[in-house]
Amino acid sequence: FNIEARTLSNFTENTQVVLTPVSGSHIVDNNGNIPTNFKLELKKVVYKPAFNQSLTLYPNPVGDQAHIQLNLDTDSEVKIEILSSKGQKIMTAFEKPLKAGIHTLPLNIQSLSQGVYFYQCTLTTQNSLKTLRGSFVK
């Protein structure tokens, strides 16, 4: 094989090595022939996770009003549910689309009796679904 040689001095863990056949886009053509000339490229790769969110409920323990701070790296449909200590849905506290950024959402939980509760935040984008969970005491 004849491969164009380059110095790999800038090769790091964030570098992707790409070999592309010079004559066409397939490694094996329709006749079963394997190309002998390739182009070597080094591409810088930036890894960005599909979701990079954080979710914080405060204060905890909670009185009648709590706040959830949500950090979204992409526009998302957001649904926040309050669950009993047995995991049963008690209420949907918030359900709206939000833009990327930091949001502080008030939660009115005055109707809840004292006890331990869970909150569940479901984030939906065009390509992904993620659920963040936590607990609080009232």
C-alpha atoms as a PDB file:
ATOM      1  CA  PHE A   1       0.000   0.000   0.000  1.00  0.00           C
ATOM      2  CA  ASN A   2       1.125   3.526  -0.711  1.00  0.00           C
ATOM      3  CA  ILE A   3       0.088   5.774   2.191  1.00  0.00           C
ATOM      4  CA  GLU A   4       0.969   9.454   2.267  1.00  0.00           C
ATOM      5  CA  ALA A   5       3.292   9.872   5.264  1.00  0.00           C
ATOM      6  CA  ARG A   6       2.930  12.701   7.767  1.00  0.00           C
ATOM      7  CA  THR A   7       4.556  13.469  11.057  1.00  0.00           C
ATOM      8  CA  LEU A   8       2.429  12.447  14.029  1.00  0.00           C
ATOM      9  CA  SER A   9       4.060  14.908  16.427  1.00  0.00           C
ATOM     10  CA  ASN A  10       0.689  16.620  17.085  1.00  0.00           C
ATOM     11  CA  PHE A  11      -1.084  13.324  17.667  1.00  0.00           C
ATOM     12  CA  THR A  12      -3.024  13.413  20.939  1.00  0.00           C
ATOM     13  CA  GLU A  13      -5.882  11.463  22.488  1.00  0.00           C
ATOM     14  CA  ASN A  14      -8.269  13.995  20.900  1.00  0.00           C
ATOM     15  CA  THR A  15      -7.017  13.293  17.382  1.00  0.00           C
ATOM     16  CA  GLN A  16      -8.791  11.026  14.947  1.00  0.00           C
ATOM     17  CA  VAL A  17      -6.804   9.309  12.196  1.00  0.00           C
ATOM     18  CA  VAL A  18      -8.760   9.011   8.932  1.00  0.00           C
ATOM     19  CA  LEU A  19      -7.634   6.921   5.977  1.00  0.00           C
ATOM     20  CA  THR A  20      -9.547   7.647   2.759  1.00  0.00           C
ATOM     21  CA  PRO A  21      -9.003   5.850  -0.557  1.00  0.00           C
ATOM     22  CA  VAL A  22      -7.674   8.325  -3.122  1.00  0.00           C
ATOM     23  CA  SER A  23      -9.744   6.807  -5.956  1.00  0.00           C
ATOM     24  CA  GLY A  24     -13.303   6.658  -4.627  1.00  0.00           C
ATOM     25  CA  SER A  25     -15.071   6.509  -1.340  1.00  0.00           C
ATOM     26  CA  HIS A  26     -15.129   2.751  -0.663  1.00  0.00           C
ATOM     27  CA  ILE A  27     -12.433   0.521   0.754  1.00  0.00           C
ATOM     28  CA  VAL A  28     -13.515  -2.258  -1.642  1.00  0.00           C
ATOM     29  CA  ASP A  29     -15.068  -1.338  -4.996  1.00  0.00           C
ATOM     30  CA  ASN A  30     -17.911  -3.190  -6.768  1.00  0.00           C
ATOM     31  CA  ASN A  31     -15.409  -5.538  -8.448  1.00  0.00           C
ATOM     32  CA  GLY A  32     -13.789  -6.570  -5.162  1.00  0.00           C
ATOM     33  CA  ASN A  33     -10.648  -4.503  -5.798  1.00  0.00           C
ATOM     34  CA  ILE A  34      -8.885  -2.974  -2.821  1.00  0.00           C
ATOM     35  CA  PRO A  35      -7.343   0.464  -3.467  1.00  0.00           C
ATOM     36  CA  THR A  36      -3.629   0.875  -2.942  1.00  0.00           C
ATOM     37  CA  ASN A  37      -3.465   4.672  -2.491  1.00  0.00           C
ATOM     38  CA  PHE A  38      -4.890   6.335   0.600  1.00  0.00           C
ATOM     39  CA  LYS A  39      -4.973   9.850   1.946  1.00  0.00           C
ATOM     40  CA  LEU A  40      -4.100  10.177   5.640  1.00  0.00           C
ATOM     41  CA  GLU A  41      -5.811  12.931   7.640  1.00  0.00           C
ATOM     42  CA  LEU A  42      -5.482  13.887  11.272  1.00  0.00           C
ATOM     43  CA  LYS A  43      -8.622  15.554  12.600  1.00  0.00           C
ATOM     44  CA  LYS A  44      -9.013  17.276  15.937  1.00  0.00           C
ATOM     45  CA  VAL A  45     -11.993  15.757  17.745  1.00  0.00           C
ATOM     46  CA  VAL A  46     -13.987  17.678  20.326  1.00  0.00           C
ATOM     47  CA  TYR A  47     -16.096  15.391  22.458  1.00  0.00           C
ATOM     48  CA  LYS A  48     -19.345  16.914  23.619  1.00  0.00           C
ATOM     49  CA  PRO A  49     -21.730  14.703  25.556  1.00  0.00           C
ATOM     50  CA  ALA A  50     -25.325  14.582  24.360  1.00  0.00           C
ATOM     51  CA  PHE A  51     -26.401  15.905  27.717  1.00  0.00           C
ATOM     52  CA  ASN A  52     -24.469  18.041  30.135  1.00  0.00           C
ATOM     53  CA  GLN A  53     -27.119  19.090  32.608  1.00  0.00           C
ATOM     54  CA  SER A  54     -27.311  19.622  36.305  1.00  0.00           C
ATOM     55  CA  LEU A  55     -30.339  19.656  38.563  1.00  0.00           C
ATOM     56  CA  THR A  56     -30.490  21.041  42.110  1.00  0.00           C
ATOM     57  CA  LEU A  57     -33.480  21.379  44.434  1.00  0.00           C
ATOM     58  CA  TYR A  58     -33.225  23.818  47.336  1.00  0.00           C
ATOM     59  CA  PRO A  59     -33.779  24.345  50.204  1.00  0.00           C
ATOM     60  CA  ASN A  60     -33.779  20.799  51.479  1.00  0.00           C
ATOM     61  CA  PRO A  61     -35.596  20.185  53.840  1.00  0.00           C
ATOM     62  CA  VAL A  62     -38.391  22.102  52.115  1.00  0.00           C
ATOM     63  CA  GLY A  63     -41.250  24.213  53.478  1.00  0.00           C
ATOM     64  CA  ASP A  64     -44.146  25.072  51.173  1.00  0.00           C
ATOM     65  CA  GLN A  65     -41.969  26.453  48.367  1.00  0.00           C
ATOM     66  CA  ALA A  66     -38.877  24.960  46.756  1.00  0.00           C
ATOM     67  CA  HIS A  67     -36.795  25.879  43.745  1.00  0.00           C
ATOM     68  CA  ILE A  68     -35.179  23.685  41.137  1.00  0.00           C
ATOM     69  CA  GLN A  69     -32.147  25.040  39.369  1.00  0.00           C
ATOM     70  CA  LEU A  70     -31.664  23.389  36.011  1.00  0.00           C
ATOM     71  CA  ASN A  71     -28.677  23.897  33.717  1.00  0.00           C
ATOM     72  CA  LEU A  72     -29.420  22.876  30.109  1.00  0.00           C
ATOM     73  CA  ASP A  73     -26.786  22.743  27.387  1.00  0.00           C
ATOM     74  CA  THR A  74     -29.433  22.423  24.664  1.00  0.00           C
ATOM     75  CA  ASP A  75     -33.066  23.422  24.128  1.00  0.00           C
ATOM     76  CA  SER A  76     -35.245  20.764  25.773  1.00  0.00           C
ATOM     77  CA  GLU A  77     -38.792  19.791  26.623  1.00  0.00           C
ATOM     78  CA  VAL A  78     -38.735  19.708  30.435  1.00  0.00           C
ATOM     79  CA  LYS A  79     -41.112  17.753  32.662  1.00  0.00           C
ATOM     80  CA  ILE A  80     -40.710  17.726  36.449  1.00  0.00           C
ATOM     81  CA  GLU A  81     -42.748  15.254  38.482  1.00  0.00           C
ATOM     82  CA  ILE A  82     -43.026  14.765  42.236  1.00  0.00           C
ATOM     83  CA  LEU A  83     -43.131  11.137  43.382  1.00  0.00           C
ATOM     84  CA  SER A  84     -44.012   9.548  46.699  1.00  0.00           C
ATOM     85  CA  SER A  85     -41.438   7.574  48.691  1.00  0.00           C
ATOM     86  CA  LYS A  86     -42.957   4.484  46.997  1.00  0.00           C
ATOM     87  CA  GLY A  87     -42.294   5.928  43.536  1.00  0.00           C
ATOM     88  CA  GLN A  88     -45.927   6.797  42.744  1.00  0.00           C
ATOM     89  CA  LYS A  89     -46.507   9.992  40.760  1.00  0.00           C
ATOM     90  CA  ILE A  90     -48.178  12.625  42.948  1.00  0.00           C
ATOM     91  CA  MET A  91     -48.085  15.616  40.612  1.00  0.00           C
ATOM     92  CA  THR A  92     -46.526  17.182  37.555  1.00  0.00           C
ATOM     93  CA  ALA A  93     -44.903  20.341  38.877  1.00  0.00           C
ATOM     94  CA  PHE A  94     -43.599  21.724  35.565  1.00  0.00           C
ATOM     95  CA  GLU A  95     -43.995  20.849  31.883  1.00  0.00           C
ATOM     96  CA  LYS A  96     -42.745  23.298  29.238  1.00  0.00           C
ATOM     97  CA  PRO A  97     -40.017  23.731  26.639  1.00  0.00           C
ATOM     98  CA  LEU A  98     -36.946  25.621  27.848  1.00  0.00           C
ATOM     99  CA  LYS A  99     -34.037  27.159  25.962  1.00  0.00           C
ATOM    100  CA  ALA A 100     -30.454  26.209  26.729  1.00  0.00           C
ATOM    101  CA  GLY A 101     -29.115  27.969  29.816  1.00  0.00           C
ATOM    102  CA  ILE A 102     -29.629  28.145  33.576  1.00  0.00           C
ATOM    103  CA  HIS A 103     -33.223  28.208  34.816  1.00  0.00           C
ATOM    104  CA  THR A 104     -34.603  28.548  38.346  1.00  0.00           C
ATOM    105  CA  LEU A 105     -38.089  27.068  38.588  1.00  0.00           C
ATOM    106  CA  PRO A 106     -40.356  27.598  41.624  1.00  0.00           C
ATOM    107  CA  LEU A 107     -42.146  24.527  42.975  1.00  0.00           C
ATOM    108  CA  ASN A 108     -45.282  25.004  45.041  1.00  0.00           C
ATOM    109  CA  ILE A 109     -45.489  21.912  47.232  1.00  0.00           C
ATOM    110  CA  GLN A 110     -47.756  23.383  49.894  1.00  0.00           C
ATOM    111  CA  SER A 111     -50.278  20.567  49.374  1.00  0.00           C
ATOM    112  CA  LEU A 112     -47.774  17.838  50.300  1.00  0.00           C
ATOM    113  CA  SER A 113     -47.753  16.435  53.813  1.00  0.00           C
ATOM    114  CA  GLN A 114     -44.509  15.947  55.723  1.00  0.00           C
ATOM    115  CA  GLY A 115     -42.362  13.106  54.454  1.00  0.00           C
ATOM    116  CA  VAL A 116     -39.703  12.023  51.978  1.00  0.00           C
ATOM    117  CA  TYR A 117     -40.335  12.630  48.270  1.00  0.00           C
ATOM    118  CA  PHE A 118     -38.556  12.122  44.983  1.00  0.00           C
ATOM    119  CA  TYR A 119     -38.457  14.490  42.041  1.00  0.00           C
ATOM    120  CA  GLN A 120     -37.882  13.391  38.492  1.00  0.00           C
ATOM    121  CA  CYS A 121     -36.916  15.699  35.650  1.00  0.00           C
ATOM    122  CA  THR A 122     -37.308  14.324  32.121  1.00  0.00           C
ATOM    123  CA  LEU A 123     -35.415  16.199  29.392  1.00  0.00           C
ATOM    124  CA  THR A 124     -36.321  15.550  25.772  1.00  0.00           C
ATOM    125  CA  THR A 125     -34.466  16.939  22.756  1.00  0.00           C
ATOM    126  CA  GLN A 126     -34.732  16.077  19.066  1.00  0.00           C
ATOM    127  CA  ASN A 127     -32.304  13.169  19.479  1.00  0.00           C
ATOM    128  CA  SER A 128     -32.186  12.284  23.162  1.00  0.00           C
ATOM    129  CA  LEU A 129     -34.138  11.537  26.302  1.00  0.00           C
ATOM    130  CA  LYS A 130     -32.628  11.798  29.774  1.00  0.00           C
ATOM    131  CA  THR A 131     -34.078  11.586  33.265  1.00  0.00           C
ATOM    132  CA  LEU A 132     -32.484  13.266  36.286  1.00  0.00           C
ATOM    133  CA  ARG A 133     -33.677  12.344  39.791  1.00  0.00           C
ATOM    134  CA  GLY A 134     -33.298  13.502  43.350  1.00  0.00           C
ATOM    135  CA  SER A 135     -35.037  13.455  46.723  1.00  0.00           C
ATOM    136  CA  PHE A 136     -36.187  15.964  49.313  1.00  0.00           C
ATOM    137  CA  VAL A 137     -37.741  16.094  52.757  1.00  0.00           C
ATOM    138  CA  LYS A 138     -40.755  18.186  53.653  1.00  0.00           C
END
